[in-house]
PDB file of N, CA and C in Angstrom:
ATOM      1  N   MET A   1     163.082-159.593 169.643  1.00  0.00           N
ATOM      2  CA  MET A   1     163.794-158.472 168.663  1.00  0.00           C
ATOM      3  C   MET A   1     164.818-157.880 169.203  1.00  0.00           C
ATOM      4  N   ALA A   2     165.904-157.876 168.101  1.00  0.00           N
ATOM      5  CA  ALA A   2     167.215-157.545 167.992  1.00  0.00           C
ATOM      6  C   ALA A   2     167.410-156.107 168.758  1.00  0.00           C
ATOM      7  N   GLU A   3     168.392-155.816 169.136  1.00  0.00           N
ATOM      8  CA  GLU A   3     168.486-154.559 170.111  1.00  0.00           C
ATOM      9  C   GLU A   3     169.755-154.056 169.622  1.00  0.00           C
ATOM     10  N   PRO A   4     169.710-153.107 169.146  1.00  0.00           N
ATOM     11  CA  PRO A   4     171.221-152.453 168.347  1.00  0.00           C
ATOM     12  C   PRO A   4     172.409-151.979 169.596  1.00  0.00           C
ATOM     13  N   GLN A   5     173.079-152.903 169.031  1.00  0.00           N
ATOM     14  CA  GLN A   5     174.696-152.721 169.845  1.00  0.00           C
ATOM     15  C   GLN A   5     175.249-151.156 169.413  1.00  0.00           C
ATOM     16  N   GLY A   6     175.463-151.001 167.886  1.00  0.00           N
ATOM     17  CA  GLY A   6     175.995-149.800 167.731  1.00  0.00           C
ATOM     18  C   GLY A   6     176.248-150.120 166.018  1.00  0.00           C
ATOM     19  N   TRP A   7     177.092-149.476 165.661  1.00  0.00           N
ATOM     20  CA  TRP A   7     177.439-148.946 164.235  1.00  0.00           C
ATOM     21  C   TRP A   7     178.615-148.703 163.966  1.00  0.00           C
ATOM     22  N   ILE A   8     179.133-149.247 162.659  1.00  0.00           N
ATOM     23  CA  ILE A   8     180.692-148.678 162.131  1.00  0.00           C
ATOM     24  C   ILE A   8     180.131-147.970 160.728  1.00  0.00           C
ATOM     25  N   ASP A   9     181.331-147.108 160.651  1.00  0.00           N
ATOM     26  CA  ASP A   9     180.887-146.317 159.067  1.00  0.00           C
ATOM     27  C   ASP A   9     182.066-147.054 158.557  1.00  0.00           C
ATOM     28  N   CYS A  10     181.961-147.492 157.216  1.00  0.00           N
ATOM     29  CA  CYS A  10     183.062-148.052 156.526  1.00  0.00           C
ATOM     30  C   CYS A  10     182.581-147.446 154.996  1.00  0.00           C
ATOM     31  N   HIS A  11     183.624-148.143 153.975  1.00  0.00           N
ATOM     32  CA  HIS A  11     182.790-147.975 152.595  1.00  0.00           C
ATOM     33  C   HIS A  11     183.057-149.285 151.555  1.00  0.00           C
ATOM     34  N   ASP A  12     182.140-149.188 150.622  1.00  0.00           N
ATOM     35  CA  ASP A  12     182.367-150.417 149.951  1.00  0.00           C
ATOM     36  C   ASP A  12     183.283-149.902 149.019  1.00  0.00           C
ATOM     37  N   PRO A  13     183.873-151.326 148.452  1.00  0.00           N
ATOM     38  CA  PRO A  13     184.755-151.179 147.173  1.00  0.00           C
ATOM     39  C   PRO A  13     185.013-149.885 146.268  1.00  0.00           C
ATOM     40  N   PHE A  14     183.945-149.320 146.365  1.00  0.00           N
ATOM     41  CA  PHE A  14     183.900-148.372 145.284  1.00  0.00           C
ATOM     42  C   PHE A  14     184.316-146.837 145.678  1.00  0.00           C
ATOM     43  N   GLY A  15     184.079-146.954 147.224  1.00  0.00           N
ATOM     44  CA  GLY A  15     184.724-145.748 148.130  1.00  0.00           C
ATOM     45  C   GLY A  15     182.775-145.172 148.328  1.00  0.00           C
ATOM     46  N   ARG A  16     181.890-145.700 148.245  1.00  0.00           N
ATOM     47  CA  ARG A  16     180.557-145.219 148.648  1.00  0.00           C
ATOM     48  C   ARG A  16     180.754-145.558 150.388  1.00  0.00           C
ATOM     49  N   ASP A  17     179.860-144.914 150.903  1.00  0.00           N
ATOM     50  CA  ASP A  17     179.723-144.641 152.573  1.00  0.00           C
ATOM     51  C   ASP A  17     178.390-145.783 152.305  1.00  0.00           C
ATOM     52  N   ARG A  18     178.963-146.527 153.603  1.00  0.00           N
ATOM     53  CA  ARG A  18     178.200-147.987 153.969  1.00  0.00           C
ATOM     54  C   ARG A  18     178.204-147.808 155.997  1.00  0.00           C
ATOM     55  N   SER A  19     177.927-148.473 156.333  1.00  0.00           N
ATOM     56  CA  SER A  19     177.991-149.177 157.847  1.00  0.00           C
ATOM     57  C   SER A  19     177.936-150.210 157.661  1.00  0.00           C
ATOM     58  N   MET A  20     178.110-151.357 159.021  1.00  0.00           N
ATOM     59  CA  MET A  20     177.895-152.102 159.262  1.00  0.00           C
ATOM     60  C   MET A  20     177.284-152.065 160.975  1.00  0.00           C
ATOM     61  N   THR A  21     176.000-152.947 161.312  1.00  0.00           N
ATOM     62  CA  THR A  21     175.345-152.717 162.139  1.00  0.00           C
ATOM     63  C   THR A  21     175.808-154.145 163.394  1.00  0.00           C
ATOM     64  N   VAL A  22     175.720-153.973 164.852  1.00  0.00           N
ATOM     65  CA  VAL A  22     175.910-155.127 165.919  1.00  0.00           C
ATOM     66  C   VAL A  22     174.984-154.967 166.478  1.00  0.00           C
ATOM     67  N   LEU A  23     173.985-156.130 166.242  1.00  0.00           N
ATOM     68  CA  LEU A  23     172.845-156.196 167.059  1.00  0.00           C
ATOM     69  C   LEU A  23     172.805-157.312 168.070  1.00  0.00           C
ATOM     70  N   VAL A  24     172.411-157.245 169.163  1.00  0.00           N
ATOM     71  CA  VAL A  24     172.165-158.561 170.279  1.00  0.00           C
ATOM     72  C   VAL A  24     170.690-158.534 170.196  1.00  0.00           C
ATOM     73  N   GLU A  25     170.678-160.240 170.154  1.00  0.00           N
ATOM     74  CA  GLU A  25     169.495-160.746 169.977  1.00  0.00           C
ATOM     75  C   GLU A  25     169.209-161.792 171.023  1.00  0.00           C
ATOM     76  N   ASP A  26     168.873-161.693 172.098  1.00  0.00           N
ATOM     77  CA  ASP A  26     168.651-162.977 172.914  1.00  0.00           C
ATOM     78  C   ASP A  26     170.012-163.551 173.246  1.00  0.00           C
ATOM     79  N   ASP A  27     170.649-164.791 173.316  1.00  0.00           N
ATOM     80  CA  ASP A  27     171.814-164.944 173.394  1.00  0.00           C
ATOM     81  C   ASP A  27     172.754-165.139 171.863  1.00  0.00           C
ATOM     82  N   ARG A  28     172.314-164.258 171.153  1.00  0.00           N
ATOM     83  CA  ARG A  28     173.118-164.160 169.807  1.00  0.00           C
ATOM     84  C   ARG A  28     173.465-162.753 169.436  1.00  0.00           C
ATOM     85  N   VAL A  29     174.591-162.845 168.678  1.00  0.00           N
ATOM     86  CA  VAL A  29     175.354-161.563 168.333  1.00  0.00           C
ATOM     87  C   VAL A  29     175.384-161.129 166.465  1.00  0.00           C
ATOM     88  N   LEU A  30     174.451-160.501 165.868  1.00  0.00           N
ATOM     89  CA  LEU A  30     174.372-160.369 164.728  1.00  0.00           C
ATOM     90  C   LEU A  30     175.114-158.878 164.187  1.00  0.00           C
ATOM     91  N   LEU A  31     175.883-159.526 163.149  1.00  0.00           N
ATOM     92  CA  LEU A  31     176.700-158.583 162.689  1.00  0.00           C
ATOM     93  C   LEU A  31     176.274-158.086 161.139  1.00  0.00           C
ATOM     94  N   VAL A  32     175.266-157.078 160.613  1.00  0.00           N
ATOM     95  CA  VAL A  32     174.538-156.780 159.366  1.00  0.00           C
ATOM     96  C   VAL A  32     176.177-155.937 158.717  1.00  0.00           C
ATOM     97  N   ALA A  33     175.880-156.670 157.685  1.00  0.00           N
ATOM     98  CA  ALA A  33     177.125-155.807 156.682  1.00  0.00           C
ATOM     99  C   ALA A  33     176.031-155.109 155.480  1.00  0.00           C
ATOM    100  N   PRO A  34     176.437-154.675 154.550  1.00  0.00           N
ATOM    101  CA  PRO A  34     175.689-153.574 153.751  1.00  0.00           C
ATOM    102  C   PRO A  34     175.406-154.431 152.746  1.00  0.00           C
ATOM    103  N   PRO A  35     174.121-154.375 152.469  1.00  0.00           N
ATOM    104  CA  PRO A  35     173.640-155.519 151.422  1.00  0.00           C
ATOM    105  C   PRO A  35     174.211-155.852 150.369  1.00  0.00           C
ATOM    106  N   GLY A  36     174.691-156.896 149.519  1.00  0.00           N
ATOM    107  CA  GLY A  36     175.498-157.364 148.298  1.00  0.00           C
ATOM    108  C   GLY A  36     176.590-156.652 148.627  1.00  0.00           C
ATOM    109  N   GLU A  37     177.262-156.260 149.679  1.00  0.00           N
ATOM    110  CA  GLU A  37     178.668-155.259 149.471  1.00  0.00           C
ATOM    111  C   GLU A  37     179.663-156.156 149.997  1.00  0.00           C
ATOM    112  N   SER A  38     180.914-155.330 150.073  1.00  0.00           N
ATOM    113  CA  SER A  38     181.863-155.892 150.752  1.00  0.00           C
ATOM    114  C   SER A  38     182.180-154.709 151.395  1.00  0.00           C
ATOM    115  N   ALA A  39     182.569-154.498 153.101  1.00  0.00           N
ATOM    116  CA  ALA A  39     182.989-153.545 153.656  1.00  0.00           C
ATOM    117  C   ALA A  39     184.442-153.503 153.539  1.00  0.00           C
ATOM    118  N   VAL A  40     184.890-152.247 153.270  1.00  0.00           N
ATOM    119  CA  VAL A  40     186.036-151.545 153.326  1.00  0.00           C
ATOM    120  C   VAL A  40     186.123-150.765 154.672  1.00  0.00           C
ATOM    121  N   MET A  41     187.288-151.521 155.416  1.00  0.00           N
ATOM    122  CA  MET A  41     187.366-150.360 156.922  1.00  0.00           C
ATOM    123  C   MET A  41     188.975-150.221 157.138  1.00  0.00           C
ATOM    124  N   SER A  42     188.837-149.124 157.632  1.00  0.00           N
ATOM    125  CA  SER A  42     190.401-148.716 158.327  1.00  0.00           C
ATOM    126  C   SER A  42     190.599-149.633 159.405  1.00  0.00           C
ATOM    127  N   VAL A  43     191.652-149.359 159.908  1.00  0.00           N
ATOM    128  CA  VAL A  43     192.558-150.182 161.124  1.00  0.00           C
ATOM    129  C   VAL A  43     191.803-149.132 162.333  1.00  0.00           C
ATOM    130  N   THR A  44     191.473-148.285 162.301  1.00  0.00           N
ATOM    131  CA  THR A  44     190.463-147.721 163.477  1.00  0.00           C
ATOM    132  C   THR A  44     189.388-147.947 163.304  1.00  0.00           C
ATOM    133  N   GLN A  45     188.543-148.599 162.333  1.00  0.00           N
ATOM    134  CA  GLN A  45     187.249-148.550 161.992  1.00  0.00           C
ATOM    135  C   GLN A  45     187.161-150.231 162.565  1.00  0.00           C
ATOM    136  N   THR A  46     187.976-151.132 161.846  1.00  0.00           N
ATOM    137  CA  THR A  46     188.082-152.628 162.599  1.00  0.00           C
ATOM    138  C   THR A  46     188.470-152.838 163.833  1.00  0.00           C
ATOM    139  N   ARG A  47     189.119-151.274 164.701  1.00  0.00           N
ATOM    140  CA  ARG A  47     189.367-151.689 166.092  1.00  0.00           C
ATOM    141  C   ARG A  47     188.072-151.155 166.825  1.00  0.00           C
ATOM    142  N   ARG A  48     187.274-150.678 166.081  1.00  0.00           N
ATOM    143  CA  ARG A  48     185.731-150.080 166.666  1.00  0.00           C
ATOM    144  C   ARG A  48     185.201-151.430 166.738  1.00  0.00           C
ATOM    145  N   LEU A  49     184.956-151.841 165.717  1.00  0.00           N
ATOM    146  CA  LEU A  49     184.327-153.056 165.264  1.00  0.00           C
ATOM    147  C   LEU A  49     184.567-153.888 166.419  1.00  0.00           C
ATOM    148  N   HIS A  50     185.778-154.665 166.548  1.00  0.00           N
ATOM    149  CA  HIS A  50     186.536-155.314 167.439  1.00  0.00           C
ATOM    150  C   HIS A  50     185.673-155.158 169.037  1.00  0.00           C
ATOM    151  N   HIS A  51     185.722-153.740 169.586  1.00  0.00           N
ATOM    152  CA  HIS A  51     185.310-153.199 170.338  1.00  0.00           C
ATOM    153  C   HIS A  51     183.545-153.450 170.832  1.00  0.00           C
ATOM    154  N   LEU A  52     183.023-153.085 169.839  1.00  0.00           N
ATOM    155  CA  LEU A  52     181.468-153.492 169.626  1.00  0.00           C
ATOM    156  C   LEU A  52     181.351-154.600 169.827  1.00  0.00           C
ATOM    157  N   LEU A  53     181.891-155.917 169.448  1.00  0.00           N
ATOM    158  CA  LEU A  53     181.444-157.175 168.919  1.00  0.00           C
ATOM    159  C   LEU A  53     181.552-157.347 170.732  1.00  0.00           C
ATOM    160  N   ASP A  54     182.949-157.230 171.139  1.00  0.00           N
ATOM    161  CA  ASP A  54     183.135-157.578 172.651  1.00  0.00           C
ATOM    162  C   ASP A  54     182.114-157.311 173.535  1.00  0.00           C
ATOM    163  N   GLN A  55     181.737-156.257 173.354  1.00  0.00           N
ATOM    164  CA  GLN A  55     180.727-155.381 174.100  1.00  0.00           C
ATOM    165  C   GLN A  55     179.149-156.350 173.928  1.00  0.00           C
ATOM    166  N   ALA A  56     178.955-156.479 172.983  1.00  0.00           N
ATOM    167  CA  ALA A  56     177.626-157.409 172.423  1.00  0.00           C
ATOM    168  C   ALA A  56     178.008-158.988 173.173  1.00  0.00           C
ATOM    169  N   ALA A  57     179.058-159.411 173.182  1.00  0.00           N
ATOM    170  CA  ALA A  57     179.168-160.486 173.654  1.00  0.00           C
ATOM    171  C   ALA A  57     179.345-160.690 174.848  1.00  0.00           C
ATOM    172  N   ASP A  58     179.641-159.245 175.737  1.00  0.00           N
ATOM    173  CA  ASP A  58     179.366-159.075 177.131  1.00  0.00           C
ATOM    174  C   ASP A  58     178.348-159.416 177.509  1.00  0.00           C
ATOM    175  N   ARG A  59     177.065-158.684 176.975  1.00  0.00           N
ATOM    176  CA  ARG A  59     175.830-158.787 176.731  1.00  0.00           C
ATOM    177  C   ARG A  59     175.136-159.754 176.734  1.00  0.00           C
ATOM    178  N   VAL A  60     175.619-161.120 176.137  1.00  0.00           N
ATOM    179  CA  VAL A  60     174.750-162.239 175.947  1.00  0.00           C
ATOM    180  C   VAL A  60     175.054-162.974 176.892  1.00  0.00           C
TER     181      VAL A  60
END
């Protein structure tokens, strides 16, 4: 079963609040985006995503 590594607040193209989730499952990293949406992120949110993905990669 996938373990949550963390999540990042973001928005969809219409400005609605959404989030992206980073999960770790065995030797894989899963990035879960808003269903059927695009994720619009600020520079800070992008850096946080980068950090979470690095942490997840270190765990696998």
